[in-house]
Amino acid sequence: MSRQPFEFNNVPLGYLVTFRGHGTWLHGDSRGSVDRLHNRYGSPLIPPNAKWLEHNRNELKHPPVKLSARQRLARGRGYP
């Protein structure tokens, strides 16, 4: 059995898709946040800012979307 050496390349083996519900983690939040300028691994998060958070809450056109426990457990077709 021949083994090929491990090599890094730009072809991903798969993707991990995660998301947050609309309006549940806004810029200014105490957990920090990410935008187009702060989105690289290891780069600093945008620091908390209560005034910016309140502004962003006021700008929401719809209430925040939070999934119920049942919705969080739902699986798509083809998954066990």
Protein backbone atom coordinates (compact mmCIF):
# COMPACT_ATOMS: atom_id res chain seq x y z
CA MET A 1 0.00 0.00 0.00
CA SER A 2 1.56 3.28 -1.05
CA ARG A 3 0.96 6.39 0.98
CA GLN A 4 0.89 9.84 -0.47
CA PRO A 5 2.45 12.61 1.60
CA PHE A 6 0.12 15.01 3.38
CA GLU A 7 -0.21 18.26 1.52
CA PHE A 8 -2.09 21.48 2.11
CA ASN A 9 -4.16 22.74 -0.76
CA ASN A 10 -7.07 25.06 -1.31
CA VAL A 11 -9.71 22.37 -1.79
CA PRO A 12 -11.88 21.98 1.33
CA LEU A 13 -12.95 18.52 2.42
CA GLY A 14 -16.27 19.91 3.59
CA TYR A 15 -17.98 22.93 5.05
CA LEU A 16 -19.40 23.66 8.47
CA VAL A 17 -22.39 25.92 8.04
CA THR A 18 -23.53 27.84 11.10
CA PHE A 19 -25.79 30.81 11.50
CA ARG A 20 -27.52 33.03 14.01
CA GLY A 21 -31.13 34.10 13.94
CA HIS A 22 -31.88 37.60 12.63
CA GLY A 23 -31.11 40.26 15.24
CA THR A 24 -29.67 37.95 17.91
CA TRP A 25 -26.03 39.15 17.77
CA LEU A 26 -25.63 42.75 16.68
CA HIS A 27 -22.59 45.01 16.41
CA GLY A 28 -21.97 46.56 19.80
CA ASP A 29 -22.93 43.35 21.67
CA SER A 30 -20.89 42.51 24.80
CA ARG A 31 -19.64 39.32 23.08
CA GLY A 32 -17.91 41.39 20.40
CA SER A 33 -18.73 41.06 16.72
CA VAL A 34 -17.25 40.70 13.26
CA ASP A 35 -17.63 42.71 10.08
CA ARG A 36 -15.91 42.79 6.68
CA LEU A 37 -12.83 44.43 8.21
CA HIS A 38 -12.65 42.12 11.24
CA ASN A 39 -13.28 38.67 9.77
CA ARG A 40 -9.93 36.90 9.59
CA TYR A 41 -8.94 34.16 11.97
CA GLY A 42 -7.12 35.69 14.91
CA SER A 43 -8.06 39.28 14.13
CA PRO A 44 -9.57 41.27 17.00
CA LEU A 45 -13.33 41.45 17.41
CA ILE A 46 -15.22 44.73 17.30
CA PRO A 47 -15.38 45.76 20.98
CA PRO A 48 -18.69 46.16 22.83
CA ASN A 49 -20.44 49.51 22.52
CA ALA A 50 -23.80 50.04 24.26
CA LYS A 51 -24.82 53.04 22.12
CA TRP A 52 -24.04 51.22 18.87
CA LEU A 53 -25.94 48.15 20.10
CA GLU A 54 -29.01 50.26 20.93
CA HIS A 55 -28.81 51.96 17.52
CA ASN A 56 -28.67 48.58 15.78
CA ARG A 57 -31.62 47.27 17.81
CA ASN A 58 -33.65 50.32 16.82
CA GLU A 59 -32.77 49.73 13.15
CA LEU A 60 -34.20 46.19 13.08
CA LYS A 61 -37.21 45.99 10.77
CA HIS A 62 -38.41 42.75 12.40
CA PRO A 63 -38.09 41.31 15.92
CA PRO A 64 -35.10 39.05 16.60
CA VAL A 65 -35.59 35.45 15.41
CA LYS A 66 -34.88 32.80 18.04
CA LEU A 67 -35.37 29.11 17.32
CA SER A 68 -37.22 26.95 19.82
CA ALA A 69 -35.61 23.80 21.22
CA ARG A 70 -37.65 21.74 18.77
CA GLN A 71 -36.59 23.90 15.82
CA ARG A 72 -32.93 23.65 16.86
CA LEU A 73 -33.18 19.85 16.86
CA ALA A 74 -34.85 19.63 13.43
CA ARG A 75 -32.72 18.02 10.75
CA GLY A 76 -32.85 18.42 7.01
CA ARG A 77 -33.67 15.63 4.59
CA GLY A 78 -31.04 12.95 4.29
CA TYR A 79 -29.73 13.32 7.85
CA PRO A 80 -30.28 10.80 10.64
